[in-house]
Amino acid sequence: MTAPPMGPRRWRWEGLAWQVMRRLSRRRLDAWLRLAGGDRAPLDQIRIATLNLPDEVVAGAFSRVRAIDRWPLAWSWAGQRLLGESRDFARAGRARDSARSRAHAALAFHVATWLTLDDQKTLRALRASSAALFRQALPATMPTVHGLDIPWRAKRLPAYLAAATTPAAPLAVVLNGSSTSKEETIRWADAFLAAGVALLALDWPGTGEAMLTTEIAADCDDIVDGIVAAIETHPLGRQIDARRLGLVGFSLGAVPAVRTAALDRRVRATVAVTPPFDPPAWLPYANGLLLAHLASGVGGYQALYDLAPSFSLAPYATRLVTPLLVLGAGRDLVVPPNEALRLAAAAGERGSLLWYPDASHGLYAELSDWTALAAAWLRDVLVDGAPTPPSTWVDRLER
């Protein structure tokens, strides 16, 4: 592996930025919010922009965020306003506009979950509302997307399927990060469909709507059984070749994606987007807001630290026998940037690295870019069986 295309000064800046971010406690962020307001705080504005919510609703929600504990209230207000608009459109006989506003309300409630940190009852209610509203709007807003349940052990995991028109299309399965859900990731389907790859947006155990019935666990590498069974029995299954299966692990979702690929030979390729590699090594030094978010989803800080070792990819990356594409962000302030580098290096000749030196966690500002590149890479590997090049560093490709 050659040296990355950036000098030591840049690496020092990025390391310093992550060190500063770790000091972003709730108390400090609350002080910032009181002084500057929510629209000037580092609170996922770029990510929210990818949801295409109405500008005036977004502005209204941010104006109400003057402390972290106001976040769920502000975005619940946004969801309720959009629901009111949906009802007004329905009374006026504008069914399509009503459905679009209902889908927007679902996404607003989804945004509200991101910083619901101290109230499990509210978090569960928000996730249930988001999932139900999105499902109601789906026939009018995304008519080619179909909901289905994936059997997993004694449970069922909710998912959305977007089937490509290409006969016997390969299948990419997106596994959420800790705050994403199928309602968000299914909106990334267009890039995959354009490449002739079907997309399954799945709430894996403990994430999205699935958190209502399951607890988060890294050892869910048996999900492929249910995925293949659900696809093969679905009416759209005739258009999909589930034997050409790739996993797209987004953020924390990279852990079950890589682990499953290492243990289940039915997975032919894996994409890991701004992944963690060895959380126990850096989690104690992460910023307080991230720790609070993660702890809220697993039952507290002690449970989080107890669970962290099971999310290490160190024992699994070296066992991969299929191609791995790692997408890293040089200015990742959530997961240390070198976690992506460590994963690509551990995969050896099976791993390739696509490095975005100026990007942040999740690559939301580069969403159209990385989804198109990942989809094309999966198509090449799953359809053409293209050989994997040696692990390398590459700059972001300019279009």
Protein backbone atom coordinates (compact mmCIF):
# COMPACT_ATOMS: atom_id res chain seq x y z
CA MET A 1 0.00 0.00 0.00
CA THR A 2 1.42 3.34 -1.00
CA ALA A 3 1.30 6.50 1.08
CA PRO A 4 -1.92 8.54 1.06
CA PRO A 5 -2.02 11.59 -1.21
CA MET A 6 -1.71 14.11 1.60
CA GLY A 7 1.16 15.44 3.63
CA PRO A 8 1.85 15.29 7.35
CA ARG A 9 0.47 18.79 7.91
CA ARG A 10 -2.92 17.67 6.65
CA TRP A 11 -2.85 14.60 8.84
CA ARG A 12 -1.97 16.75 11.86
CA TRP A 13 -4.92 19.06 11.09
CA GLU A 14 -7.34 16.17 10.77
CA GLY A 15 -6.09 14.55 13.96
CA LEU A 16 -6.43 17.86 15.78
CA ALA A 17 -9.98 18.33 14.46
CA TRP A 18 -11.01 14.92 15.83
CA GLN A 19 -9.37 15.74 19.16
CA VAL A 20 -11.30 19.03 19.34
CA MET A 21 -14.56 17.34 18.38
CA ARG A 22 -14.23 14.87 21.23
CA ARG A 23 -14.54 17.81 23.60
CA LEU A 24 -17.97 18.69 22.20
CA SER A 25 -19.98 17.88 25.31
CA ARG A 26 -23.70 18.47 25.59
CA ARG A 27 -23.06 21.39 27.93
CA ARG A 28 -20.76 23.11 25.42
CA LEU A 29 -23.12 22.46 22.53
CA ASP A 30 -26.07 23.79 24.52
CA ALA A 31 -24.10 26.99 25.16
CA TRP A 32 -23.36 27.26 21.43
CA LEU A 33 -27.02 26.73 20.57
CA ARG A 34 -28.15 29.42 22.99
CA LEU A 35 -25.75 31.93 21.48
CA ALA A 36 -25.81 31.08 17.76
CA GLY A 37 -29.00 29.09 17.23
CA GLY A 38 -29.51 25.68 15.71
CA ASP A 39 -28.92 26.75 12.13
CA ARG A 40 -25.28 27.60 12.89
CA ALA A 41 -24.39 24.56 14.98
CA PRO A 42 -22.76 21.35 13.62
CA LEU A 43 -26.07 19.49 13.57
CA ASP A 44 -26.30 17.52 10.34
CA GLN A 45 -27.44 20.30 8.00
CA ILE A 46 -25.87 18.58 4.99
CA ARG A 47 -27.46 15.26 5.84
CA ILE A 48 -30.85 16.91 6.28
CA ALA A 49 -30.43 18.59 2.89
CA THR A 50 -30.25 15.14 1.26
CA LEU A 51 -33.79 14.44 2.52
CA ASN A 52 -35.22 17.27 0.37
CA LEU A 53 -37.55 18.55 3.08
CA PRO A 54 -39.23 21.94 2.48
CA ASP A 55 -36.79 24.76 3.24
CA GLU A 56 -39.21 26.72 5.40
CA VAL A 57 -39.93 23.68 7.57
CA VAL A 58 -36.23 22.95 8.03
CA ALA A 59 -35.56 26.58 8.94
CA GLY A 60 -38.47 26.58 11.38
CA ALA A 61 -37.22 23.43 13.09
CA PHE A 62 -33.65 24.71 13.45
CA SER A 63 -34.91 28.01 14.86
CA ARG A 64 -36.52 26.03 17.69
CA VAL A 65 -33.32 24.19 18.65
CA ARG A 66 -31.81 26.17 21.50
CA ALA A 67 -30.60 23.13 23.43
CA ILE A 68 -30.01 19.49 22.56
CA ASP A 69 -33.07 18.34 24.47
CA ARG A 70 -35.16 20.61 22.20
CA TRP A 71 -34.10 18.70 19.08
CA PRO A 72 -36.84 16.01 19.21
CA LEU A 73 -39.46 18.66 20.03
CA ALA A 74 -38.37 20.88 17.15
CA TRP A 75 -38.44 18.10 14.58
CA SER A 76 -41.68 16.69 15.97
CA TRP A 77 -43.13 20.16 15.36
CA ALA A 78 -41.87 19.86 11.77
CA GLY A 79 -43.47 16.45 11.40
CA GLN A 80 -46.80 17.66 12.75
CA ARG A 81 -46.78 20.69 10.48
CA LEU A 82 -46.15 18.49 7.45
CA LEU A 83 -48.90 16.11 8.55
CA GLY A 84 -51.27 19.08 8.72
CA GLU A 85 -50.31 20.03 5.18
CA SER A 86 -50.94 16.43 4.10
CA ARG A 87 -54.47 16.57 5.52
CA ASP A 88 -55.13 19.93 3.83
CA PHE A 89 -53.99 18.53 0.49
CA ALA A 90 -56.18 15.45 0.97
CA ARG A 91 -59.27 17.60 1.63
CA ALA A 92 -58.49 19.54 -1.54
CA GLY A 93 -58.34 16.32 -3.55
CA ARG A 94 -54.60 16.62 -4.18
CA ALA A 95 -53.68 13.02 -3.38
CA ARG A 96 -50.12 13.10 -4.71
CA ASP A 97 -49.24 16.27 -2.78
CA SER A 98 -50.84 14.78 0.32
CA ALA A 99 -48.69 11.66 0.04
CA ARG A 100 -45.53 13.70 -0.54
CA SER A 101 -46.18 15.77 2.60
CA ARG A 102 -46.86 12.58 4.55
CA ALA A 103 -43.53 11.14 3.40
CA HIS A 104 -41.83 14.40 4.42
CA ALA A 105 -43.48 14.14 7.83
CA ALA A 106 -42.09 10.62 8.16
CA LEU A 107 -38.59 11.89 7.43
CA ALA A 108 -38.99 14.79 9.90
CA PHE A 109 -39.87 12.30 12.64
CA HIS A 110 -36.85 10.28 11.54
CA VAL A 111 -34.62 13.35 11.98
CA ALA A 112 -36.12 13.82 15.45
CA THR A 113 -34.74 10.42 16.49
CA TRP A 114 -31.13 11.41 15.83
CA LEU A 115 -30.76 13.34 19.08
CA THR A 116 -33.46 11.79 21.25
CA LEU A 117 -30.97 10.80 23.92
CA ASP A 118 -32.69 10.37 27.27
CA ASP A 119 -36.18 9.08 26.56
CA GLN A 120 -36.57 5.58 25.17
CA LYS A 121 -40.36 5.87 25.08
CA THR A 122 -40.19 8.96 22.87
CA LEU A 123 -37.49 7.41 20.67
CA ARG A 124 -39.61 4.32 20.05
CA ALA A 125 -42.71 6.42 19.33
CA LEU A 126 -40.82 8.57 16.83
CA ARG A 127 -39.39 5.57 15.00
CA ALA A 128 -42.78 3.87 14.87
CA SER A 129 -44.43 7.06 13.55
CA SER A 130 -41.74 7.58 10.92
CA ALA A 131 -42.01 4.01 9.65
CA ALA A 132 -45.81 3.99 9.56
CA LEU A 133 -46.16 7.33 7.77
CA PHE A 134 -43.51 6.48 5.18
CA ARG A 135 -45.19 3.15 4.49
CA GLN A 136 -48.57 4.86 4.01
CA ALA A 137 -47.11 7.34 1.51
CA LEU A 138 -45.02 4.82 -0.40
CA PRO A 139 -47.55 3.72 -3.09
CA ALA A 140 -47.90 7.31 -4.31
CA THR A 141 -44.39 8.63 -3.71
CA MET A 142 -42.24 5.62 -4.66
CA PRO A 143 -44.56 3.24 -6.56
CA THR A 144 -41.74 0.97 -7.74
CA VAL A 145 -40.54 0.33 -4.16
CA HIS A 146 -42.06 -2.55 -2.21
CA GLY A 147 -42.07 -3.28 1.49
CA LEU A 148 -41.21 -6.75 2.72
CA ASP A 149 -40.23 -8.51 5.91
CA ILE A 150 -36.98 -10.46 6.23
CA PRO A 151 -37.23 -13.49 8.55
CA TRP A 152 -34.44 -13.54 11.11
CA ARG A 153 -34.40 -16.13 13.88
CA ALA A 154 -37.77 -15.74 15.64
CA LYS A 155 -38.20 -12.15 14.42
CA ARG A 156 -38.88 -10.32 11.19
CA LEU A 157 -36.80 -7.37 9.97
CA PRO A 158 -38.57 -4.66 7.92
CA ALA A 159 -37.11 -3.70 4.56
CA TYR A 160 -37.81 -1.90 1.29
CA LEU A 161 -36.96 -3.38 -2.10
CA ALA A 162 -36.28 -1.44 -5.29
CA ALA A 163 -35.91 -3.89 -8.18
CA ALA A 164 -33.87 -3.08 -11.27
CA THR A 165 -35.44 -3.62 -14.68
CA THR A 166 -32.39 -5.58 -15.81
CA PRO A 167 -33.15 -9.33 -15.92
CA ALA A 168 -31.45 -11.37 -13.19
CA ALA A 169 -30.08 -8.21 -11.61
CA PRO A 170 -27.60 -8.52 -8.72
CA LEU A 171 -28.74 -7.41 -5.29
CA ALA A 172 -27.17 -4.83 -2.97
CA VAL A 173 -28.33 -4.80 0.65
CA VAL A 174 -27.81 -1.57 2.59
CA LEU A 175 -27.24 -2.00 6.33
CA ASN A 176 -27.93 1.12 8.43
CA GLY A 177 -25.69 3.15 10.64
CA SER A 178 -26.77 3.72 14.22
CA SER A 179 -29.06 6.63 13.30
CA THR A 180 -30.09 5.77 9.74
CA SER A 181 -33.10 3.71 8.71
CA LYS A 182 -34.56 2.12 5.62
CA GLU A 183 -36.75 5.22 5.13
CA GLU A 184 -33.55 7.19 4.53
CA THR A 185 -31.42 4.63 2.68
CA ILE A 186 -34.08 3.52 0.19
CA ARG A 187 -33.85 7.06 -1.18
CA TRP A 188 -30.35 6.16 -2.41
CA ALA A 189 -31.71 3.51 -4.75
CA ASP A 190 -31.58 5.49 -8.01
CA ALA A 191 -27.81 5.21 -8.39
CA PHE A 192 -27.93 1.44 -7.94
CA LEU A 193 -30.90 0.97 -10.26
CA ALA A 194 -29.13 3.05 -12.92
CA ALA A 195 -26.24 0.58 -12.71
CA GLY A 196 -28.61 -2.39 -13.05
CA VAL A 197 -28.37 -3.39 -9.37
CA ALA A 198 -31.46 -4.00 -7.22
CA LEU A 199 -31.41 -2.43 -3.76
CA LEU A 200 -32.74 -3.77 -0.47
CA ALA A 201 -32.78 -1.19 2.35
CA LEU A 202 -32.82 -3.25 5.54
CA ASP A 203 -33.29 -2.31 9.18
CA TRP A 204 -30.87 -4.83 10.69
CA PRO A 205 -31.36 -5.84 14.34
CA GLY A 206 -31.55 -2.90 16.71
CA THR A 207 -31.65 -0.20 13.99
CA GLY A 208 -34.48 1.81 12.47
CA GLU A 209 -37.91 0.27 12.89
CA ALA A 210 -36.30 -3.03 13.88
CA MET A 211 -35.24 -1.50 17.22
CA LEU A 212 -38.90 -1.84 18.26
CA THR A 213 -38.60 -5.63 18.28
CA THR A 214 -34.88 -6.46 18.41
CA GLU A 215 -31.76 -5.41 20.27
CA ILE A 216 -28.61 -4.37 18.45
CA ALA A 217 -26.05 -7.12 18.06
CA ALA A 218 -22.99 -7.61 15.91
CA ASP A 219 -23.53 -11.37 15.58
CA CYS A 220 -26.42 -11.13 13.10
CA ASP A 221 -24.33 -12.65 10.31
CA ASP A 222 -27.12 -15.18 9.68
CA ILE A 223 -29.32 -12.52 8.02
CA VAL A 224 -28.46 -13.84 4.54
CA ASP A 225 -30.76 -16.85 5.03
CA GLY A 226 -33.77 -14.59 5.44
CA ILE A 227 -32.72 -12.19 2.68
CA VAL A 228 -32.41 -14.95 0.09
CA ALA A 229 -35.66 -16.61 1.19
CA ALA A 230 -37.61 -13.34 1.09
CA ILE A 231 -36.30 -12.37 -2.35
CA GLU A 232 -36.88 -15.78 -3.88
CA THR A 233 -40.53 -15.86 -2.71
CA HIS A 234 -41.33 -12.23 -3.59
CA PRO A 235 -43.13 -11.46 -6.89
CA LEU A 236 -40.17 -9.29 -7.90
CA GLY A 237 -37.78 -12.12 -7.16
CA ARG A 238 -37.90 -13.25 -10.79
CA GLN A 239 -36.04 -10.07 -11.71
CA ILE A 240 -33.29 -10.55 -9.11
CA ASP A 241 -30.47 -13.05 -8.81
CA ALA A 242 -30.01 -13.32 -5.05
CA ARG A 243 -26.90 -15.46 -5.66
CA ARG A 244 -25.18 -12.27 -6.81
CA LEU A 245 -25.36 -10.63 -3.43
CA GLY A 246 -23.41 -7.63 -2.17
CA LEU A 247 -23.63 -5.81 1.16
CA VAL A 248 -23.29 -2.05 1.65
CA GLY A 249 -22.44 -1.34 5.29
CA PHE A 250 -23.01 2.30 6.16
CA SER A 251 -21.09 3.59 9.21
CA LEU A 252 -21.84 1.12 12.03
CA GLY A 253 -23.58 -1.10 9.48
CA ALA A 254 -20.15 -1.89 8.06
CA VAL A 255 -19.59 -4.18 11.05
CA PRO A 256 -22.36 -6.72 10.27
CA ALA A 257 -21.63 -6.28 6.54
CA VAL A 258 -17.94 -7.22 6.76
CA ARG A 259 -18.54 -9.83 9.44
CA THR A 260 -21.27 -11.49 7.35
CA ALA A 261 -19.09 -11.44 4.24
CA ALA A 262 -16.29 -13.13 6.17
CA LEU A 263 -18.56 -15.89 7.49
CA ASP A 264 -21.08 -16.46 4.69
CA ARG A 265 -19.72 -17.30 1.24
CA ARG A 266 -23.01 -16.30 -0.42
CA VAL A 267 -21.91 -12.67 -0.04
CA ARG A 268 -19.88 -11.92 -3.17
CA ALA A 269 -18.77 -8.34 -2.41
CA THR A 270 -18.90 -5.72 0.34
CA VAL A 271 -18.84 -1.93 0.49
CA ALA A 272 -18.00 -0.21 3.79
CA VAL A 273 -18.77 3.52 4.05
CA THR A 274 -16.85 5.49 6.74
CA PRO A 275 -16.67 2.34 8.88
CA PRO A 276 -15.42 1.69 12.36
CA PHE A 277 -12.71 -0.96 12.57
CA ASP A 278 -11.84 -1.43 16.23
CA PRO A 279 -14.24 0.62 18.41
CA PRO A 280 -12.79 -0.38 21.80
CA ALA A 281 -9.54 1.39 20.87
CA TRP A 282 -11.12 4.83 20.38
CA LEU A 283 -14.64 4.81 21.80
CA PRO A 284 -13.59 6.09 25.26
CA TYR A 285 -12.14 9.16 23.53
CA ALA A 286 -15.11 9.93 21.23
CA ASN A 287 -17.13 13.10 21.64
CA GLY A 288 -19.76 13.13 24.34
CA LEU A 289 -22.69 13.62 21.99
CA LEU A 290 -21.81 10.49 20.00
CA LEU A 291 -21.40 8.49 23.20
CA ALA A 292 -24.77 9.70 24.48
CA HIS A 293 -26.42 8.75 21.18
CA LEU A 294 -24.91 5.27 21.15
CA ALA A 295 -25.58 4.67 24.84
CA SER A 296 -29.24 5.65 24.43
CA GLY A 297 -29.69 2.85 21.91
CA VAL A 298 -28.16 0.04 23.94
CA GLY A 299 -29.29 0.73 27.49
CA GLY A 300 -26.61 2.98 28.95
CA TYR A 301 -22.89 3.70 28.97
CA GLN A 302 -21.83 0.50 30.69
CA ALA A 303 -23.79 -1.58 28.19
CA LEU A 304 -22.13 0.39 25.38
CA TYR A 305 -18.61 -0.34 26.61
CA ASP A 306 -19.50 -3.99 27.25
CA LEU A 307 -20.85 -4.32 23.70
CA ALA A 308 -18.00 -2.51 21.92
CA PRO A 309 -15.55 -5.46 21.67
CA SER A 310 -18.10 -7.51 19.73
CA PHE A 311 -18.14 -4.76 17.06
CA SER A 312 -14.44 -5.02 16.30
CA LEU A 313 -13.67 -6.07 12.73
CA ALA A 314 -10.08 -7.05 13.48
CA PRO A 315 -10.92 -10.79 13.70
CA TYR A 316 -12.96 -10.76 10.48
CA ALA A 317 -11.33 -8.47 7.92
CA THR A 318 -8.42 -10.86 7.46
CA ARG A 319 -10.85 -13.72 6.75
CA LEU A 320 -12.44 -12.08 3.72
CA VAL A 321 -12.12 -14.03 0.48
CA THR A 322 -14.33 -11.69 -1.56
CA PRO A 323 -13.71 -8.08 -2.66
CA LEU A 324 -14.12 -5.19 -0.22
CA LEU A 325 -14.43 -1.52 -1.19
CA VAL A 326 -13.81 0.89 1.70
CA LEU A 327 -14.90 4.52 1.41
CA GLY A 328 -13.09 6.80 3.85
CA ALA A 329 -13.50 10.46 4.83
CA GLY A 330 -10.45 12.52 5.70
CA ARG A 331 -12.44 14.90 7.93
CA ASP A 332 -14.56 12.33 9.69
CA LEU A 333 -15.33 13.76 13.14
CA VAL A 334 -17.48 10.82 14.28
CA VAL A 335 -15.26 7.82 13.58
CA PRO A 336 -11.49 8.42 13.46
CA PRO A 337 -10.51 8.71 9.76
CA ASN A 338 -7.81 6.06 10.08
CA GLU A 339 -10.42 3.40 10.91
CA ALA A 340 -11.22 3.16 7.20
CA LEU A 341 -7.52 2.87 6.43
CA ARG A 342 -7.07 0.09 8.97
CA LEU A 343 -9.98 -1.89 7.55
CA ALA A 344 -8.72 -1.62 3.97
CA ALA A 345 -5.21 -2.62 5.08
CA ALA A 346 -6.49 -5.58 7.09
CA ALA A 347 -8.35 -6.90 4.05
CA GLY A 348 -5.05 -7.09 2.18
CA GLU A 349 -5.26 -7.73 -1.55
CA ARG A 350 -9.04 -8.13 -1.27
CA GLY A 351 -9.44 -4.53 -0.17
CA SER A 352 -9.62 -1.31 -2.16
CA LEU A 353 -9.86 2.16 -0.69
CA LEU A 354 -11.66 5.18 -2.11
CA TRP A 355 -10.53 8.19 -0.09
CA TYR A 356 -12.41 11.50 0.11
CA PRO A 357 -9.86 13.80 1.77
CA ASP A 358 -12.23 16.73 2.40
CA ALA A 359 -15.36 14.75 3.31
CA SER A 360 -17.04 14.16 6.65
CA HIS A 361 -18.68 11.11 8.22
CA GLY A 362 -21.24 9.40 6.02
CA LEU A 363 -20.11 11.25 2.86
CA TYR A 364 -23.48 13.02 2.70
CA ALA A 365 -22.11 15.93 0.69
CA GLU A 366 -20.78 13.35 -1.80
CA LEU A 367 -23.89 11.14 -1.76
CA SER A 368 -24.53 11.13 -5.51
CA ASP A 369 -20.84 10.53 -6.18
CA TRP A 370 -20.15 7.62 -3.86
CA THR A 371 -23.44 5.81 -4.48
CA ALA A 372 -22.80 5.88 -8.24
CA LEU A 373 -19.23 4.64 -7.78
CA ALA A 374 -20.25 1.94 -5.30
CA ALA A 375 -23.06 0.77 -7.56
CA ALA A 376 -20.77 0.56 -10.59
CA TRP A 377 -18.16 -1.32 -8.57
CA LEU A 378 -20.75 -3.81 -7.31
CA ARG A 379 -22.10 -4.32 -10.82
CA ASP A 380 -18.61 -5.03 -12.12
CA VAL A 381 -17.81 -7.49 -9.35
CA LEU A 382 -21.19 -9.24 -9.12
CA VAL A 383 -21.98 -9.42 -12.83
CA ASP A 384 -18.67 -9.47 -14.64
CA GLY A 385 -16.58 -10.99 -11.89
CA ALA A 386 -13.96 -8.30 -12.37
CA PRO A 387 -10.76 -9.08 -10.50
CA THR A 388 -10.09 -6.96 -7.45
CA PRO A 389 -7.08 -4.69 -7.83
CA PRO A 390 -4.51 -4.56 -5.05
CA SER A 391 -5.42 -2.36 -2.12
CA THR A 392 -4.54 1.20 -3.02
CA TRP A 393 -5.09 4.83 -2.13
CA VAL A 394 -7.01 6.95 -4.61
CA ASP A 395 -8.18 10.51 -4.69
CA ARG A 396 -11.83 11.31 -5.05
CA LEU A 397 -12.74 10.86 -8.69
CA GLU A 398 -13.80 14.10 -10.33
CA ARG A 399 -16.81 13.98 -12.62
